Amino acid sequence: MELYKQILLNALYNEEMQITFPNLKTSPNEIVKLECYRTLKKIKAVLEDENLSDKECFMRIEKIICIYEDMGSDGGDRHDFG
């Protein structure tokens, strides 16, 4: 449930806010589905990037972690590659 809240909060961050979300036309479940789909597309693009050699696998993992962080979640304590 924590990931769900992180995704929803990140997706709503730029919405005009009042007591309600007057311009929001999409349900919270649909917002999370759309954001997850966009994120999976980005991850798939990283994995399918044929311009990277196997030696650059570390960089692929780093890109995926950054995409995950852009979605509003953190990379955990193990993501401090500097």
N, C-alpha and C. Protein backbone atom coordinates (compact mmCIF):
# COMPACT_ATOMS: atom_id res chain seq x y z
N MET A 1 0.82 -1.19 0.00
CA MET A 1 0.00 0.00 0.00
C MET A 1 0.87 1.26 0.00
N GLU A 2 2.06 1.18 0.57
CA GLU A 2 2.94 2.35 0.62
C GLU A 2 3.36 2.79 -0.78
N LEU A 3 3.70 1.83 -1.65
CA LEU A 3 4.06 2.17 -3.03
C LEU A 3 2.89 2.84 -3.74
N TYR A 4 1.68 2.33 -3.52
CA TYR A 4 0.47 2.92 -4.11
C TYR A 4 0.35 4.38 -3.71
N LYS A 5 0.54 4.67 -2.41
CA LYS A 5 0.44 6.05 -1.93
C LYS A 5 1.53 6.93 -2.53
N GLN A 6 2.76 6.39 -2.64
CA GLN A 6 3.86 7.17 -3.22
C GLN A 6 3.57 7.52 -4.67
N ILE A 7 3.08 6.54 -5.42
CA ILE A 7 2.77 6.78 -6.83
C ILE A 7 1.67 7.82 -6.96
N LEU A 8 0.61 7.67 -6.18
CA LEU A 8 -0.52 8.59 -6.25
C LEU A 8 -0.11 10.01 -5.83
N LEU A 9 0.65 10.13 -4.76
CA LEU A 9 1.10 11.46 -4.32
C LEU A 9 1.97 12.13 -5.38
N ASN A 10 2.88 11.38 -5.98
CA ASN A 10 3.75 11.93 -7.02
C ASN A 10 2.93 12.35 -8.24
N ALA A 11 1.94 11.55 -8.62
CA ALA A 11 1.12 11.87 -9.79
C ALA A 11 0.25 13.10 -9.54
N LEU A 12 -0.19 13.31 -8.30
CA LEU A 12 -1.06 14.44 -7.98
C LEU A 12 -0.29 15.71 -7.61
N TYR A 13 1.00 15.61 -7.48
CA TYR A 13 1.81 16.72 -7.00
C TYR A 13 1.60 18.00 -7.81
N ASN A 14 1.48 17.89 -9.13
CA ASN A 14 1.36 19.07 -9.99
C ASN A 14 -0.08 19.45 -10.30
N GLU A 15 -1.04 18.73 -9.75
CA GLU A 15 -2.44 19.06 -9.97
C GLU A 15 -2.81 20.31 -9.16
N GLU A 16 -3.73 21.10 -9.72
CA GLU A 16 -4.26 22.24 -8.98
C GLU A 16 -4.98 21.70 -7.76
N MET A 17 -4.62 22.20 -6.58
CA MET A 17 -5.21 21.65 -5.37
C MET A 17 -6.06 22.66 -4.63
N GLN A 18 -7.18 22.19 -4.18
CA GLN A 18 -8.05 22.89 -3.25
C GLN A 18 -8.41 21.84 -2.21
N ILE A 19 -9.56 21.95 -1.64
CA ILE A 19 -9.99 20.89 -0.74
C ILE A 19 -10.26 19.62 -1.55
N THR A 20 -10.64 19.81 -2.79
CA THR A 20 -10.84 18.69 -3.70
C THR A 20 -9.88 18.88 -4.87
N PHE A 21 -9.91 17.94 -5.80
CA PHE A 21 -9.12 18.06 -7.03
C PHE A 21 -10.08 18.39 -8.16
N PRO A 22 -10.37 19.68 -8.38
CA PRO A 22 -11.42 20.06 -9.33
C PRO A 22 -11.13 19.71 -10.79
N ASN A 23 -9.89 19.65 -11.18
CA ASN A 23 -9.57 19.36 -12.57
C ASN A 23 -9.23 17.89 -12.82
N LEU A 24 -9.26 17.12 -11.78
CA LEU A 24 -8.91 15.71 -11.90
C LEU A 24 -10.10 14.92 -12.44
N LYS A 25 -9.90 14.34 -13.62
CA LYS A 25 -10.98 13.61 -14.27
C LYS A 25 -10.81 12.10 -14.15
N THR A 26 -9.71 11.68 -13.55
CA THR A 26 -9.37 10.27 -13.51
C THR A 26 -9.40 9.78 -12.07
N SER A 27 -9.85 8.54 -11.88
CA SER A 27 -9.90 7.96 -10.54
C SER A 27 -8.49 7.67 -10.04
N PRO A 28 -8.30 7.61 -8.72
CA PRO A 28 -6.98 7.28 -8.19
C PRO A 28 -6.44 5.96 -8.73
N ASN A 29 -7.28 4.94 -8.86
CA ASN A 29 -6.82 3.66 -9.40
C ASN A 29 -6.33 3.80 -10.83
N GLU A 30 -7.04 4.58 -11.62
CA GLU A 30 -6.63 4.77 -13.02
C GLU A 30 -5.33 5.56 -13.10
N ILE A 31 -5.15 6.53 -12.23
CA ILE A 31 -3.91 7.31 -12.19
C ILE A 31 -2.73 6.38 -11.91
N VAL A 32 -2.86 5.52 -10.91
CA VAL A 32 -1.78 4.60 -10.57
C VAL A 32 -1.51 3.65 -11.72
N LYS A 33 -2.55 3.13 -12.36
CA LYS A 33 -2.36 2.24 -13.51
C LYS A 33 -1.60 2.94 -14.63
N LEU A 34 -1.98 4.17 -14.94
CA LEU A 34 -1.32 4.92 -16.01
C LEU A 34 0.14 5.20 -15.67
N GLU A 35 0.41 5.60 -14.44
CA GLU A 35 1.78 5.89 -14.03
C GLU A 35 2.63 4.62 -14.04
N CYS A 36 2.06 3.52 -13.61
CA CYS A 36 2.80 2.24 -13.64
C CYS A 36 3.11 1.84 -15.07
N TYR A 37 2.15 2.01 -15.97
CA TYR A 37 2.36 1.66 -17.37
C TYR A 37 3.46 2.52 -17.98
N ARG A 38 3.43 3.82 -17.72
CA ARG A 38 4.48 4.71 -18.24
C ARG A 38 5.84 4.30 -17.70
N THR A 39 5.90 3.96 -16.43
CA THR A 39 7.16 3.55 -15.82
C THR A 39 7.67 2.25 -16.43
N LEU A 40 6.78 1.28 -16.61
CA LEU A 40 7.19 0.02 -17.22
C LEU A 40 7.69 0.22 -18.65
N LYS A 41 7.08 1.14 -19.39
CA LYS A 41 7.55 1.44 -20.74
C LYS A 41 8.97 1.99 -20.71
N LYS A 42 9.26 2.87 -19.74
CA LYS A 42 10.60 3.43 -19.62
C LYS A 42 11.62 2.35 -19.26
N ILE A 43 11.25 1.47 -18.33
CA ILE A 43 12.14 0.38 -17.93
C ILE A 43 12.39 -0.55 -19.12
N LYS A 44 11.34 -0.87 -19.86
CA LYS A 44 11.47 -1.74 -21.04
C LYS A 44 12.43 -1.11 -22.05
N ALA A 45 12.33 0.19 -22.26
CA ALA A 45 13.21 0.88 -23.20
C ALA A 45 14.67 0.78 -22.75
N VAL A 46 14.91 0.89 -21.46
CA VAL A 46 16.28 0.76 -20.94
C VAL A 46 16.80 -0.65 -21.20
N LEU A 47 15.98 -1.65 -20.91
CA LEU A 47 16.40 -3.04 -21.08
C LEU A 47 16.63 -3.40 -22.53
N GLU A 48 15.89 -2.78 -23.44
CA GLU A 48 16.00 -3.10 -24.86
C GLU A 48 17.02 -2.25 -25.60
N ASP A 49 17.69 -1.36 -24.90
CA ASP A 49 18.65 -0.47 -25.53
C ASP A 49 19.86 -1.27 -26.00
N GLU A 50 19.92 -1.53 -27.29
CA GLU A 50 21.01 -2.33 -27.87
C GLU A 50 22.31 -1.53 -28.01
N ASN A 51 22.27 -0.25 -27.75
CA ASN A 51 23.47 0.57 -27.81
C ASN A 51 24.39 0.33 -26.61
N LEU A 52 23.85 -0.32 -25.58
CA LEU A 52 24.64 -0.60 -24.38
C LEU A 52 25.20 -2.01 -24.45
N SER A 53 26.47 -2.16 -24.11
CA SER A 53 27.07 -3.49 -24.07
C SER A 53 26.76 -4.15 -22.73
N ASP A 54 27.05 -5.44 -22.64
CA ASP A 54 26.82 -6.14 -21.38
C ASP A 54 27.66 -5.56 -20.25
N LYS A 55 28.80 -4.97 -20.60
CA LYS A 55 29.65 -4.34 -19.58
C LYS A 55 28.95 -3.15 -18.94
N GLU A 56 27.97 -2.61 -19.64
CA GLU A 56 27.25 -1.45 -19.13
C GLU A 56 25.98 -1.85 -18.38
N CYS A 57 25.89 -3.10 -17.97
CA CYS A 57 24.73 -3.59 -17.24
C CYS A 57 24.48 -2.76 -15.99
N PHE A 58 25.54 -2.39 -15.30
CA PHE A 58 25.41 -1.57 -14.11
C PHE A 58 24.67 -0.28 -14.42
N MET A 59 24.99 0.32 -15.56
CA MET A 59 24.33 1.57 -15.95
C MET A 59 22.85 1.34 -16.25
N ARG A 60 22.51 0.18 -16.80
CA ARG A 60 21.10 -0.15 -17.04
C ARG A 60 20.34 -0.21 -15.72
N ILE A 61 20.95 -0.87 -14.75
CA ILE A 61 20.30 -0.97 -13.44
C ILE A 61 20.15 0.42 -12.83
N GLU A 62 21.16 1.24 -12.94
CA GLU A 62 21.10 2.61 -12.41
C GLU A 62 19.97 3.40 -13.08
N LYS A 63 19.81 3.26 -14.39
CA LYS A 63 18.74 3.96 -15.10
C LYS A 63 17.37 3.50 -14.60
N ILE A 64 17.23 2.20 -14.38
CA ILE A 64 15.95 1.67 -13.90
C ILE A 64 15.65 2.20 -12.50
N ILE A 65 16.64 2.24 -11.64
CA ILE A 65 16.44 2.77 -10.29
C ILE A 65 16.04 4.24 -10.35
N CYS A 66 16.66 5.01 -11.23
CA CYS A 66 16.31 6.44 -11.38
C CYS A 66 14.87 6.60 -11.88
N ILE A 67 14.45 5.76 -12.79
CA ILE A 67 13.07 5.80 -13.27
C ILE A 67 12.12 5.52 -12.12
N TYR A 68 12.44 4.52 -11.31
CA TYR A 68 11.64 4.17 -10.16
C TYR A 68 11.56 5.35 -9.19
N GLU A 69 12.68 6.03 -8.97
CA GLU A 69 12.69 7.20 -8.10
C GLU A 69 11.88 8.34 -8.69
N ASP A 70 11.93 8.52 -10.00
CA ASP A 70 11.15 9.57 -10.65
C ASP A 70 9.65 9.35 -10.47
N MET A 71 9.25 8.09 -10.28
CA MET A 71 7.85 7.75 -10.09
C MET A 71 7.37 8.16 -8.70
N GLY A 72 8.32 8.46 -7.82
CA GLY A 72 7.93 8.91 -6.49
C GLY A 72 8.34 7.96 -5.38
N SER A 73 9.00 6.88 -5.72
CA SER A 73 9.47 5.96 -4.70
C SER A 73 10.98 6.14 -4.56
N ASP A 74 11.54 5.65 -3.47
CA ASP A 74 12.99 5.78 -3.34
C ASP A 74 13.66 4.48 -3.74
N GLY A 75 14.95 4.54 -3.92
CA GLY A 75 15.71 3.37 -4.32
C GLY A 75 16.17 2.53 -3.15
N GLY A 76 15.80 2.90 -1.96
CA GLY A 76 16.21 2.16 -0.78
C GLY A 76 17.62 2.52 -0.35
N ASP A 77 18.06 1.91 0.72
CA ASP A 77 19.38 2.21 1.28
C ASP A 77 20.51 1.74 0.39
N ARG A 78 20.25 0.83 -0.51
CA ARG A 78 21.33 0.27 -1.34
C ARG A 78 21.62 1.13 -2.56
N HIS A 79 20.79 2.16 -2.82
CA HIS A 79 21.02 3.01 -3.98
C HIS A 79 21.74 4.28 -3.57
N ASP A 80 23.03 4.17 -3.46
CA ASP A 80 23.88 5.32 -3.16
C ASP A 80 25.18 5.12 -3.93
N PHE A 81 25.05 5.13 -5.27
CA PHE A 81 26.19 4.82 -6.12
C PHE A 81 27.06 6.03 -6.43
N GLY A 82 26.60 7.20 -5.96
CA GLY A 82 27.38 8.40 -6.07
C GLY A 82 27.42 8.98 -7.41
